[in-house]
Amino acid sequence: MNAWMLHPENGLAQLPGPPTATYPRGARSVAMLQHGSLEVRLFKPQDRDLQQPHTRDELYVVVSGHGRFDNGGTVLPFKTGDAIFVPAHGLHRFVEFSEDVVTWVMFYGPEGGE
C-alpha cells in the first residue's frame, strides 16, 4: 500500500449525511481510510455529541475548534492540535464546543481494546 494523504475538506464535503434510523439528524462522521485494524474517520459534532462507548480504542486529533471533552466524568479543555485517547468501552463526548470543531478519529486494535 502506498502512503495516503487525508484532507479534512474531502470529508467535510460529505457531512452531514442524510438522516437514517441510526443517525436521525444525519451522519456526523465519514470513513476516510481503512487499513488492517485502523479505521480513520472525520468527525464533526453538531449541537450535542450523543456518542456511545465504542468497542475499540480510539484517538481523536482536533483539526479545528475548542471546547471541553468529558472522558468518563473527567472534563478537560481541548483546542486545535490536541490529541485525546479514549479506551474501548469508555464513556466520552465533546461538551461545550465551538461550532467549528472537527476531529480526526482513529479506531484501532482488537474489539475490547488493547
PDB file of N, CA and C in Angstrom:
ATOM      1  N   MET A   1       0.848  -1.186   0.000  1.00  0.00           N
ATOM      2  CA  MET A   1       0.000   0.000   0.000  1.00  0.00           C
ATOM      3  C   MET A   1       0.883   1.236   0.000  1.00  0.00           C
ATOM      4  N   ASN A   2       0.544   2.177  -0.820  1.00  0.00           N
ATOM      5  CA  ASN A   2       1.250   3.451  -0.846  1.00  0.00           C
ATOM      6  C   ASN A   2       0.772   4.327   0.302  1.00  0.00           C
ATOM      7  N   ALA A   3       1.525   5.374   0.580  1.00  0.00           N
ATOM      8  CA  ALA A   3       1.125   6.342   1.602  1.00  0.00           C
ATOM      9  C   ALA A   3      -0.163   7.035   1.161  1.00  0.00           C
ATOM     10  N   TRP A   4      -0.962   7.440   2.132  1.00  0.00           N
ATOM     11  CA  TRP A   4      -2.213   8.155   1.867  1.00  0.00           C
ATOM     12  C   TRP A   4      -2.135   9.538   2.470  1.00  0.00           C
ATOM     13  N   MET A   5      -2.724  10.500   1.805  1.00  0.00           N
ATOM     14  CA  MET A   5      -2.852  11.846   2.345  1.00  0.00           C
ATOM     15  C   MET A   5      -4.341  12.100   2.502  1.00  0.00           C
ATOM     16  N   LEU A   6      -4.761  12.380   3.716  1.00  0.00           N
ATOM     17  CA  LEU A   6      -6.171  12.631   4.003  1.00  0.00           C
ATOM     18  C   LEU A   6      -6.374  14.121   4.250  1.00  0.00           C
ATOM     19  N   HIS A   7      -7.363  14.693   3.623  1.00  0.00           N
ATOM     20  CA  HIS A   7      -7.649  16.117   3.749  1.00  0.00           C
ATOM     21  C   HIS A   7      -9.022  16.305   4.401  1.00  0.00           C
ATOM     22  N   PRO A   8      -9.109  17.081   5.483  1.00  0.00           N
ATOM     23  CA  PRO A   8     -10.395  17.283   6.155  1.00  0.00           C
ATOM     24  C   PRO A   8     -11.495  17.779   5.222  1.00  0.00           C
ATOM     25  N   GLU A   9     -11.159  18.665   4.296  1.00  0.00           N
ATOM     26  CA  GLU A   9     -12.204  19.231   3.431  1.00  0.00           C
ATOM     27  C   GLU A   9     -12.895  18.159   2.588  1.00  0.00           C
ATOM     28  N   ASN A  10     -12.178  17.071   2.256  1.00  0.00           N
ATOM     29  CA  ASN A  10     -12.814  15.995   1.492  1.00  0.00           C
ATOM     30  C   ASN A  10     -13.903  15.303   2.311  1.00  0.00           C
ATOM     31  N   GLY A  11     -13.659  15.114   3.589  1.00  0.00           N
ATOM     32  CA  GLY A  11     -14.675  14.516   4.452  1.00  0.00           C
ATOM     33  C   GLY A  11     -15.798  15.486   4.765  1.00  0.00           C
ATOM     34  N   LEU A  12     -15.455  16.747   5.010  1.00  0.00           N
ATOM     35  CA  LEU A  12     -16.477  17.746   5.336  1.00  0.00           C
ATOM     36  C   LEU A  12     -17.488  17.910   4.209  1.00  0.00           C
ATOM     37  N   ALA A  13     -17.045  17.712   2.978  1.00  0.00           N
ATOM     38  CA  ALA A  13     -17.947  17.835   1.840  1.00  0.00           C
ATOM     39  C   ALA A  13     -19.046  16.770   1.877  1.00  0.00           C
ATOM     40  N   GLN A  14     -18.824  15.701   2.643  1.00  0.00           N
ATOM     41  CA  GLN A  14     -19.792  14.614   2.739  1.00  0.00           C
ATOM     42  C   GLN A  14     -20.687  14.716   3.980  1.00  0.00           C
ATOM     43  N   LEU A  15     -20.499  15.735   4.807  1.00  0.00           N
ATOM     44  CA  LEU A  15     -21.273  15.879   6.049  1.00  0.00           C
ATOM     45  C   LEU A  15     -22.199  17.074   5.972  1.00  0.00           C
ATOM     46  N   PRO A  16     -23.327  17.109   6.660  1.00  0.00           N
ATOM     47  CA  PRO A  16     -23.903  15.919   7.289  1.00  0.00           C
ATOM     48  C   PRO A  16     -24.533  15.036   6.232  1.00  0.00           C
ATOM     49  N   GLY A  17     -24.487  13.758   6.495  1.00  0.00           N
ATOM     50  CA  GLY A  17     -25.118  12.799   5.598  1.00  0.00           C
ATOM     51  C   GLY A  17     -26.619  12.825   5.782  1.00  0.00           C
ATOM     52  N   PRO A  18     -27.329  12.113   4.944  1.00  0.00           N
ATOM     53  CA  PRO A  18     -28.780  12.079   5.066  1.00  0.00           C
ATOM     54  C   PRO A  18     -29.203  11.362   6.345  1.00  0.00           C
ATOM     55  N   PRO A  19     -30.329  11.749   6.926  1.00  0.00           N
ATOM     56  CA  PRO A  19     -30.833  11.063   8.121  1.00  0.00           C
ATOM     57  C   PRO A  19     -31.093   9.583   7.842  1.00  0.00           C
ATOM     58  N   THR A  20     -30.794   8.761   8.846  1.00  0.00           N
ATOM     59  CA  THR A  20     -31.085   7.323   8.796  1.00  0.00           C
ATOM     60  C   THR A  20     -31.656   6.931  10.145  1.00  0.00           C
ATOM     61  N   ALA A  21     -32.056   5.675  10.292  1.00  0.00           N
ATOM     62  CA  ALA A  21     -32.566   5.195  11.581  1.00  0.00           C
ATOM     63  C   ALA A  21     -31.487   5.311  12.650  1.00  0.00           C
ATOM     64  N   THR A  22     -30.238   5.037  12.277  1.00  0.00           N
ATOM     65  CA  THR A  22     -29.125   5.119  13.228  1.00  0.00           C
ATOM     66  C   THR A  22     -28.750   6.565  13.521  1.00  0.00           C
ATOM     67  N   TYR A  23     -28.789   7.425  12.498  1.00  0.00           N
ATOM     68  CA  TYR A  23     -28.417   8.827  12.634  1.00  0.00           C
ATOM     69  C   TYR A  23     -29.592   9.700  12.191  1.00  0.00           C
ATOM     70  N   PRO A  24     -30.592   9.876  13.064  1.00  0.00           N
ATOM     71  CA  PRO A  24     -31.787  10.622  12.653  1.00  0.00           C
ATOM     72  C   PRO A  24     -31.520  12.077  12.289  1.00  0.00           C
ATOM     73  N   ARG A  25     -30.426  12.665  12.752  1.00  0.00           N
ATOM     74  CA  ARG A  25     -30.083  14.046  12.389  1.00  0.00           C
ATOM     75  C   ARG A  25     -29.055  14.090  11.275  1.00  0.00           C
ATOM     76  N   GLY A  26     -28.731  12.941  10.721  1.00  0.00           N
ATOM     77  CA  GLY A  26     -27.714  12.874   9.672  1.00  0.00           C
ATOM     78  C   GLY A  26     -26.373  12.439  10.244  1.00  0.00           C
ATOM     79  N   ALA A  27     -25.543  11.887   9.395  1.00  0.00           N
ATOM     80  CA  ALA A  27     -24.237  11.385   9.817  1.00  0.00           C
ATOM     81  C   ALA A  27     -23.362  12.512  10.341  1.00  0.00           C
ATOM     82  N   ARG A  28     -22.579  12.227  11.353  1.00  0.00           N
ATOM     83  CA  ARG A  28     -21.655  13.192  11.938  1.00  0.00           C
ATOM     84  C   ARG A  28     -20.204  12.801  11.699  1.00  0.00           C
ATOM     85  N   SER A  29     -19.998  11.638  11.072  1.00  0.00           N
ATOM     86  CA  SER A  29     -18.636  11.234  10.730  1.00  0.00           C
ATOM     87  C   SER A  29     -18.662  10.519   9.392  1.00  0.00           C
ATOM     88  N   VAL A  30     -17.499  10.482   8.779  1.00  0.00           N
ATOM     89  CA  VAL A  30     -17.370   9.815   7.481  1.00  0.00           C
ATOM     90  C   VAL A  30     -16.062   9.033   7.480  1.00  0.00           C
ATOM     91  N   ALA A  31     -16.118   7.792   6.972  1.00  0.00           N
ATOM     92  CA  ALA A  31     -14.923   6.958   6.863  1.00  0.00           C
ATOM     93  C   ALA A  31     -14.008   7.518   5.786  1.00  0.00           C
ATOM     94  N   MET A  32     -12.735   7.643   6.119  1.00  0.00           N
ATOM     95  CA  MET A  32     -11.761   8.192   5.182  1.00  0.00           C
ATOM     96  C   MET A  32     -10.681   7.176   4.791  1.00  0.00           C
ATOM     97  N   LEU A  33     -10.409   6.199   5.672  1.00  0.00           N
ATOM     98  CA  LEU A  33      -9.363   5.215   5.399  1.00  0.00           C
ATOM     99  C   LEU A  33      -9.606   3.978   6.253  1.00  0.00           C
ATOM    100  N   GLN A  34      -9.432   2.808   5.641  1.00  0.00           N
ATOM    101  CA  GLN A  34      -9.479   1.538   6.362  1.00  0.00           C
ATOM    102  C   GLN A  34      -8.247   0.757   5.949  1.00  0.00           C
ATOM    103  N   HIS A  35      -7.435   0.341   6.940  1.00  0.00           N
ATOM    104  CA  HIS A  35      -6.235  -0.451   6.655  1.00  0.00           C
ATOM    105  C   HIS A  35      -5.950  -1.325   7.869  1.00  0.00           C
ATOM    106  N   GLY A  36      -5.999  -2.638   7.685  1.00  0.00           N
ATOM    107  CA  GLY A  36      -5.814  -3.535   8.819  1.00  0.00           C
ATOM    108  C   GLY A  36      -6.845  -3.232   9.887  1.00  0.00           C
ATOM    109  N   SER A  37      -6.403  -3.065  11.124  1.00  0.00           N
ATOM    110  CA  SER A  37      -7.338  -2.747  12.212  1.00  0.00           C
ATOM    111  C   SER A  37      -7.591  -1.246  12.338  1.00  0.00           C
ATOM    112  N   LEU A  38      -6.920  -0.437  11.514  1.00  0.00           N
ATOM    113  CA  LEU A  38      -7.060   1.016  11.611  1.00  0.00           C
ATOM    114  C   LEU A  38      -8.226   1.513  10.767  1.00  0.00           C
ATOM    115  N   GLU A  39      -9.099   2.292  11.387  1.00  0.00           N
ATOM    116  CA  GLU A  39     -10.157   2.991  10.676  1.00  0.00           C
ATOM    117  C   GLU A  39     -10.031   4.468  11.013  1.00  0.00           C
ATOM    118  N   VAL A  40      -9.886   5.312  10.001  1.00  0.00           N
ATOM    119  CA  VAL A  40      -9.779   6.751  10.203  1.00  0.00           C
ATOM    120  C   VAL A  40     -11.063   7.394   9.691  1.00  0.00           C
ATOM    121  N   ARG A  41     -11.680   8.199  10.542  1.00  0.00           N
ATOM    122  CA  ARG A  41     -12.912   8.896  10.197  1.00  0.00           C
ATOM    123  C   ARG A  41     -12.717  10.383  10.465  1.00  0.00           C
ATOM    124  N   LEU A  42     -13.465  11.202   9.765  1.00  0.00           N
ATOM    125  CA  LEU A  42     -13.549  12.621  10.086  1.00  0.00           C
ATOM    126  C   LEU A  42     -14.844  12.797  10.859  1.00  0.00           C
ATOM    127  N   PHE A  43     -14.779  13.474  12.007  1.00  0.00           N
ATOM    128  CA  PHE A  43     -15.930  13.615  12.902  1.00  0.00           C
ATOM    129  C   PHE A  43     -16.188  15.090  13.162  1.00  0.00           C
ATOM    130  N   LYS A  44     -17.441  15.488  13.037  1.00  0.00           N
ATOM    131  CA  LYS A  44     -17.842  16.866  13.322  1.00  0.00           C
ATOM    132  C   LYS A  44     -19.113  16.826  14.157  1.00  0.00           C
ATOM    133  N   PRO A  45     -18.973  16.982  15.476  1.00  0.00           N
ATOM    134  CA  PRO A  45     -20.187  17.014  16.294  1.00  0.00           C
ATOM    135  C   PRO A  45     -20.995  18.274  16.003  1.00  0.00           C
ATOM    136  N   GLN A  46     -22.307  18.161  16.114  1.00  0.00           N
ATOM    137  CA  GLN A  46     -23.163  19.323  15.918  1.00  0.00           C
ATOM    138  C   GLN A  46     -24.217  19.333  17.011  1.00  0.00           C
ATOM    139  N   ASP A  47     -24.518  20.507  17.522  1.00  0.00           N
ATOM    140  CA  ASP A  47     -25.494  20.676  18.600  1.00  0.00           C
ATOM    141  C   ASP A  47     -25.038  19.960  19.859  1.00  0.00           C
ATOM    142  N   ARG A  48     -25.333  18.683  19.935  1.00  0.00           N
ATOM    143  CA  ARG A  48     -24.917  17.859  21.074  1.00  0.00           C
ATOM    144  C   ARG A  48     -24.205  16.622  20.553  1.00  0.00           C
ATOM    145  N   ASP A  49     -23.201  16.183  21.270  1.00  0.00           N
ATOM    146  CA  ASP A  49     -22.482  14.964  20.913  1.00  0.00           C
ATOM    147  C   ASP A  49     -23.155  13.822  21.665  1.00  0.00           C
ATOM    148  N   LEU A  50     -23.797  12.919  20.942  1.00  0.00           N
ATOM    149  CA  LEU A  50     -24.563  11.833  21.550  1.00  0.00           C
ATOM    150  C   LEU A  50     -23.846  10.491  21.440  1.00  0.00           C
ATOM    151  N   GLN A  51     -22.523  10.512  21.354  1.00  0.00           N
ATOM    152  CA  GLN A  51     -21.778   9.261  21.198  1.00  0.00           C
ATOM    153  C   GLN A  51     -22.038   8.292  22.339  1.00  0.00           C
ATOM    154  N   GLN A  52     -21.964   7.025  21.983  1.00  0.00           N
ATOM    155  CA  GLN A  52     -21.998   5.934  22.947  1.00  0.00           C
ATOM    156  C   GLN A  52     -20.608   5.301  22.964  1.00  0.00           C
ATOM    157  N   PRO A  53     -20.263   4.569  24.023  1.00  0.00           N
ATOM    158  CA  PRO A  53     -18.945   3.927  24.054  1.00  0.00           C
ATOM    159  C   PRO A  53     -18.721   3.036  22.822  1.00  0.00           C
ATOM    160  N   HIS A  54     -17.476   2.998  22.378  1.00  0.00           N
ATOM    161  CA  HIS A  54     -17.096   2.180  21.228  1.00  0.00           C
ATOM    162  C   HIS A  54     -16.383   0.926  21.693  1.00  0.00           C
ATOM    163  N   THR A  55     -16.312  -0.070  20.823  1.00  0.00           N
ATOM    164  CA  THR A  55     -15.744  -1.364  21.206  1.00  0.00           C
ATOM    165  C   THR A  55     -14.239  -1.465  20.981  1.00  0.00           C
ATOM    166  N   ARG A  56     -13.647  -0.426  20.371  1.00  0.00           N
ATOM    167  CA  ARG A  56     -12.191  -0.430  20.153  1.00  0.00           C
ATOM    168  C   ARG A  56     -11.589   0.853  20.707  1.00  0.00           C
ATOM    169  N   ASP A  57     -10.287   0.826  20.963  1.00  0.00           N
ATOM    170  CA  ASP A  57      -9.583   2.028  21.392  1.00  0.00           C
ATOM    171  C   ASP A  57      -9.694   3.081  20.289  1.00  0.00           C
ATOM    172  N   GLU A  58      -9.676   4.353  20.702  1.00  0.00           N
ATOM    173  CA  GLU A  58      -9.759   5.417  19.707  1.00  0.00           C
ATOM    174  C   GLU A  58      -8.898   6.605  20.111  1.00  0.00           C
ATOM    175  N   LEU A  59      -8.468   7.316  19.093  1.00  0.00           N
ATOM    176  CA  LEU A  59      -7.660   8.508  19.286  1.00  0.00           C
ATOM    177  C   LEU A  59      -8.263   9.617  18.438  1.00  0.00           C
ATOM    178  N   TYR A  60      -8.581  10.736  19.081  1.00  0.00           N
ATOM    179  CA  TYR A  60      -9.063  11.928  18.378  1.00  0.00           C
ATOM    180  C   TYR A  60      -7.892  12.885  18.216  1.00  0.00           C
ATOM    181  N   VAL A  61      -7.797  13.529  17.057  1.00  0.00           N
ATOM    182  CA  VAL A  61      -6.871  14.633  16.846  1.00  0.00           C
ATOM    183  C   VAL A  61      -7.721  15.808  16.381  1.00  0.00           C
ATOM    184  N   VAL A  62      -7.672  16.890  17.133  1.00  0.00           N
ATOM    185  CA  VAL A  62      -8.532  18.047  16.869  1.00  0.00           C
ATOM    186  C   VAL A  62      -7.954  18.849  15.698  1.00  0.00           C
ATOM    187  N   VAL A  63      -8.725  18.917  14.605  1.00  0.00           N
ATOM    188  CA  VAL A  63      -8.337  19.660  13.412  1.00  0.00           C
ATOM    189  C   VAL A  63      -8.630  21.143  13.604  1.00  0.00           C
ATOM    190  N   SER A  64      -9.793  21.441  14.184  1.00  0.00           N
ATOM    191  CA  SER A  64     -10.166  22.837  14.422  1.00  0.00           C
ATOM    192  C   SER A  64     -11.144  22.907  15.580  1.00  0.00           C
ATOM    193  N   GLY A  65     -11.211  24.082  16.181  1.00  0.00           N
ATOM    194  CA  GLY A  65     -12.167  24.341  17.245  1.00  0.00           C
ATOM    195  C   GLY A  65     -11.603  24.151  18.640  1.00  0.00           C
ATOM    196  N   HIS A  66     -12.483  24.325  19.607  1.00  0.00           N
ATOM    197  CA  HIS A  66     -12.107  24.205  21.008  1.00  0.00           C
ATOM    198  C   HIS A  66     -13.364  23.889  21.821  1.00  0.00           C
ATOM    199  N   GLY A  67     -13.158  23.493  23.037  1.00  0.00           N
ATOM    200  CA  GLY A  67     -14.283  23.190  23.918  1.00  0.00           C
ATOM    201  C   GLY A  67     -13.823  22.381  25.103  1.00  0.00           C
ATOM    202  N   ARG A  68     -14.734  21.532  25.548  1.00  0.00           N
ATOM    203  CA  ARG A  68     -14.439  20.663  26.683  1.00  0.00           C
ATOM    204  C   ARG A  68     -14.823  19.244  26.291  1.00  0.00           C
ATOM    205  N   PHE A  69     -14.064  18.274  26.813  1.00  0.00           N
ATOM    206  CA  PHE A  69     -14.262  16.868  26.492  1.00  0.00           C
ATOM    207  C   PHE A  69     -14.489  16.106  27.783  1.00  0.00           C
ATOM    208  N   ASP A  70     -15.600  15.393  27.856  1.00  0.00           N
ATOM    209  CA  ASP A  70     -15.937  14.582  29.028  1.00  0.00           C
ATOM    210  C   ASP A  70     -15.465  13.165  28.768  1.00  0.00           C
ATOM    211  N   ASN A  71     -14.456  12.751  29.500  1.00  0.00           N
ATOM    212  CA  ASN A  71     -13.892  11.405  29.373  1.00  0.00           C
ATOM    213  C   ASN A  71     -14.229  10.641  30.643  1.00  0.00           C
ATOM    214  N   GLY A  72     -15.438  10.077  30.680  1.00  0.00           N
ATOM    215  CA  GLY A  72     -15.863   9.285  31.829  1.00  0.00           C
ATOM    216  C   GLY A  72     -16.021  10.085  33.099  1.00  0.00           C
ATOM    217  N   GLY A  73     -16.460  11.323  32.992  1.00  0.00           N
ATOM    218  CA  GLY A  73     -16.659  12.158  34.170  1.00  0.00           C
ATOM    219  C   GLY A  73     -15.534  13.143  34.425  1.00  0.00           C
ATOM    220  N   THR A  74     -14.393  12.940  33.800  1.00  0.00           N
ATOM    221  CA  THR A  74     -13.303  13.902  33.874  1.00  0.00           C
ATOM    222  C   THR A  74     -13.447  14.831  32.674  1.00  0.00           C
ATOM    223  N   VAL A  75     -13.721  16.109  32.936  1.00  0.00           N
ATOM    224  CA  VAL A  75     -13.945  17.068  31.853  1.00  0.00           C
ATOM    225  C   VAL A  75     -12.708  17.950  31.725  1.00  0.00           C
ATOM    226  N   LEU A  76     -12.143  17.950  30.517  1.00  0.00           N
ATOM    227  CA  LEU A  76     -10.914  18.692  30.257  1.00  0.00           C
ATOM    228  C   LEU A  76     -11.094  19.595  29.048  1.00  0.00           C
ATOM    229  N   PRO A  77     -10.403  20.745  29.022  1.00  0.00           N
ATOM    230  CA  PRO A  77     -10.472  21.614  27.841  1.00  0.00           C
ATOM    231  C   PRO A  77      -9.659  21.009  26.701  1.00  0.00           C
ATOM    232  N   PHE A  78     -10.077  21.315  25.466  1.00  0.00           N
ATOM    233  CA  PHE A  78      -9.301  20.911  24.297  1.00  0.00           C
ATOM    234  C   PHE A  78      -9.286  22.066  23.299  1.00  0.00           C
ATOM    235  N   LYS A  79      -8.299  22.011  22.387  1.00  0.00           N
ATOM    236  CA  LYS A  79      -8.175  23.039  21.341  1.00  0.00           C
ATOM    237  C   LYS A  79      -7.533  22.409  20.114  1.00  0.00           C
ATOM    238  N   THR A  80      -7.495  23.158  19.030  1.00  0.00           N
ATOM    239  CA  THR A  80      -6.875  22.713  17.787  1.00  0.00           C
ATOM    240  C   THR A  80      -5.483  22.158  18.056  1.00  0.00           C
ATOM    241  N   GLY A  81      -5.214  20.988  17.507  1.00  0.00           N
ATOM    242  CA  GLY A  81      -3.908  20.353  17.648  1.00  0.00           C
ATOM    243  C   GLY A  81      -3.821  19.338  18.759  1.00  0.00           C
ATOM    244  N   ASP A  82      -4.778  19.335  19.688  1.00  0.00           N
ATOM    245  CA  ASP A  82      -4.744  18.385  20.797  1.00  0.00           C
ATOM    246  C   ASP A  82      -5.105  16.974  20.317  1.00  0.00           C
ATOM    247  N   ALA A  83      -4.599  15.969  21.034  1.00  0.00           N
ATOM    248  CA  ALA A  83      -4.947  14.572  20.803  1.00  0.00           C
ATOM    249  C   ALA A  83      -5.603  14.045  22.072  1.00  0.00           C
ATOM    250  N   ILE A  84      -6.664  13.253  21.908  1.00  0.00           N
ATOM    251  CA  ILE A  84      -7.435  12.728  23.031  1.00  0.00           C
ATOM    252  C   ILE A  84      -7.567  11.225  22.850  1.00  0.00           C
ATOM    253  N   PHE A  85      -7.100  10.450  23.824  1.00  0.00           N
ATOM    254  CA  PHE A  85      -7.217   8.990  23.780  1.00  0.00           C
ATOM    255  C   PHE A  85      -8.420   8.551  24.609  1.00  0.00           C
ATOM    256  N   VAL A  86      -9.200   7.618  24.064  1.00  0.00           N
ATOM    257  CA  VAL A  86     -10.325   7.020  24.781  1.00  0.00           C
ATOM    258  C   VAL A  86     -10.201   5.502  24.663  1.00  0.00           C
ATOM    259  N   PRO A  87     -10.101   4.790  25.799  1.00  0.00           N
ATOM    260  CA  PRO A  87     -10.023   3.332  25.716  1.00  0.00           C
ATOM    261  C   PRO A  87     -11.366   2.732  25.300  1.00  0.00           C
ATOM    262  N   ALA A  88     -11.307   1.536  24.758  1.00  0.00           N
ATOM    263  CA  ALA A  88     -12.528   0.824  24.371  1.00  0.00           C
ATOM    264  C   ALA A  88     -13.511   0.810  25.532  1.00  0.00           C
ATOM    265  N   HIS A  89     -14.769   0.990  25.224  1.00  0.00           N
ATOM    266  CA  HIS A  89     -15.886   0.970  26.169  1.00  0.00           C
ATOM    267  C   HIS A  89     -15.923   2.174  27.112  1.00  0.00           C
ATOM    268  N   GLY A  90     -15.048   3.149  26.901  1.00  0.00           N
ATOM    269  CA  GLY A  90     -15.026   4.332  27.763  1.00  0.00           C
ATOM    270  C   GLY A  90     -16.151   5.305  27.427  1.00  0.00           C
ATOM    271  N   LEU A  91     -16.827   5.805  28.450  1.00  0.00           N
ATOM    272  CA  LEU A  91     -17.840   6.848  28.253  1.00  0.00           C
ATOM    273  C   LEU A  91     -17.125   8.135  27.881  1.00  0.00           C
ATOM    274  N   HIS A  92     -17.606   8.815  26.837  1.00  0.00           N
ATOM    275  CA  HIS A  92     -16.945  10.041  26.405  1.00  0.00           C
ATOM    276  C   HIS A  92     -17.861  10.840  25.501  1.00  0.00           C
ATOM    277  N   ARG A  93     -17.590  12.154  25.429  1.00  0.00           N
ATOM    278  CA  ARG A  93     -18.301  13.029  24.491  1.00  0.00           C
ATOM    279  C   ARG A  93     -17.688  14.419  24.538  1.00  0.00           C
ATOM    280  N   PHE A  94     -17.879  15.128  23.438  1.00  0.00           N
ATOM    281  CA  PHE A  94     -17.485  16.527  23.389  1.00  0.00           C
ATOM    282  C   PHE A  94     -18.625  17.341  23.999  1.00  0.00           C
ATOM    283  N   VAL A  95     -18.290  18.270  24.885  1.00  0.00           N
ATOM    284  CA  VAL A  95     -19.291  19.120  25.532  1.00  0.00           C
ATOM    285  C   VAL A  95     -18.834  20.573  25.422  1.00  0.00           C
ATOM    286  N   GLU A  96     -19.800  21.482  25.393  1.00  0.00           N
ATOM    287  CA  GLU A  96     -19.471  22.916  25.354  1.00  0.00           C
ATOM    288  C   GLU A  96     -18.401  23.208  24.300  1.00  0.00           C
ATOM    289  N   PHE A  97     -18.694  22.871  23.048  1.00  0.00           N
ATOM    290  CA  PHE A  97     -17.698  23.011  21.988  1.00  0.00           C
ATOM    291  C   PHE A  97     -18.113  24.073  20.978  1.00  0.00           C
ATOM    292  N   SER A  98     -17.106  24.655  20.333  1.00  0.00           N
ATOM    293  CA  SER A  98     -17.349  25.665  19.307  1.00  0.00           C
ATOM    294  C   SER A  98     -17.940  25.013  18.058  1.00  0.00           C
ATOM    295  N   GLU A  99     -18.627  25.836  17.254  1.00  0.00           N
ATOM    296  CA  GLU A  99     -19.293  25.315  16.051  1.00  0.00           C
ATOM    297  C   GLU A  99     -18.317  24.777  15.016  1.00  0.00           C
ATOM    298  N   ASP A 100     -17.055  25.194  15.083  1.00  0.00           N
ATOM    299  CA  ASP A 100     -16.082  24.771  14.078  1.00  0.00           C
ATOM    300  C   ASP A 100     -15.280  23.530  14.468  1.00  0.00           C
ATOM    301  N   VAL A 101     -15.716  22.798  15.503  1.00  0.00           N
ATOM    302  CA  VAL A 101     -14.976  21.606  15.921  1.00  0.00           C
ATOM    303  C   VAL A 101     -15.033  20.538  14.830  1.00  0.00           C
ATOM    304  N   VAL A 102     -13.850  20.084  14.443  1.00  0.00           N
ATOM    305  CA  VAL A 102     -13.668  18.975  13.506  1.00  0.00           C
ATOM    306  C   VAL A 102     -12.511  18.150  14.051  1.00  0.00           C
ATOM    307  N   THR A 103     -12.657  16.838  14.046  1.00  0.00           N
ATOM    308  CA  THR A 103     -11.578  15.975  14.525  1.00  0.00           C
ATOM    309  C   THR A 103     -11.365  14.811  13.573  1.00  0.00           C
ATOM    310  N   TRP A 104     -10.141  14.327  13.564  1.00  0.00           N
ATOM    311  CA  TRP A 104      -9.874  13.001  13.032  1.00  0.00           C
ATOM    312  C   TRP A 104     -10.152  12.056  14.188  1.00  0.00           C
ATOM    313  N   VAL A 105     -10.768  10.944  13.935  1.00  0.00           N
ATOM    314  CA  VAL A 105     -10.912   9.913  14.957  1.00  0.00           C
ATOM    315  C   VAL A 105     -10.399   8.613  14.357  1.00  0.00           C
ATOM    316  N   MET A 106      -9.482   7.983  15.085  1.00  0.00           N
ATOM    317  CA  MET A 106      -8.853   6.757  14.620  1.00  0.00           C
ATOM    318  C   MET A 106      -9.211   5.628  15.561  1.00  0.00           C
ATOM    319  N   PHE A 107      -9.918   4.644  15.055  1.00  0.00           N
ATOM    320  CA  PHE A 107     -10.216   3.419  15.789  1.00  0.00           C
ATOM    321  C   PHE A 107      -9.168   2.398  15.390  1.00  0.00           C
ATOM    322  N   TYR A 108      -8.682   1.633  16.372  1.00  0.00           N
ATOM    323  CA  TYR A 108      -7.632   0.675  16.040  1.00  0.00           C
ATOM    324  C   TYR A 108      -7.622  -0.457  17.049  1.00  0.00           C
ATOM    325  N   GLY A 109      -6.915  -1.513  16.692  1.00  0.00           N
ATOM    326  CA  GLY A 109      -6.737  -2.649  17.584  1.00  0.00           C
ATOM    327  C   GLY A 109      -7.933  -3.574  17.615  1.00  0.00           C
ATOM    328  N   PRO A 110      -7.864  -4.570  18.503  1.00  0.00           N
ATOM    329  CA  PRO A 110      -8.928  -5.574  18.561  1.00  0.00           C
ATOM    330  C   PRO A 110     -10.176  -5.051  19.285  1.00  0.00           C
ATOM    331  N   GLU A 111     -11.293  -5.738  19.048  1.00  0.00           N
ATOM    332  CA  GLU A 111     -12.512  -5.444  19.812  1.00  0.00           C
ATOM    333  C   GLU A 111     -12.185  -5.609  21.289  1.00  0.00           C
ATOM    334  N   GLY A 112     -12.644  -4.685  22.115  1.00  0.00           N
ATOM    335  CA  GLY A 112     -12.362  -4.726  23.546  1.00  0.00           C
ATOM    336  C   GLY A 112     -11.134  -3.933  23.941  1.00  0.00           C
ATOM    337  N   GLY A 113     -10.362  -3.480  22.955  1.00  0.00           N
ATOM    338  CA  GLY A 113      -9.187  -2.660  23.254  1.00  0.00           C
ATOM    339  C   GLY A 113      -7.934  -3.481  23.495  1.00  0.00           C
ATOM    340  N   GLU A 114      -6.840  -2.763  23.619  1.00  0.00           N
ATOM    341  CA  GLU A 114      -5.548  -3.427  23.859  1.00  0.00           C
ATOM    342  C   GLU A 114      -5.217  -3.435  25.328  1.00  0.00           C
TER     343      GLU A 114
END
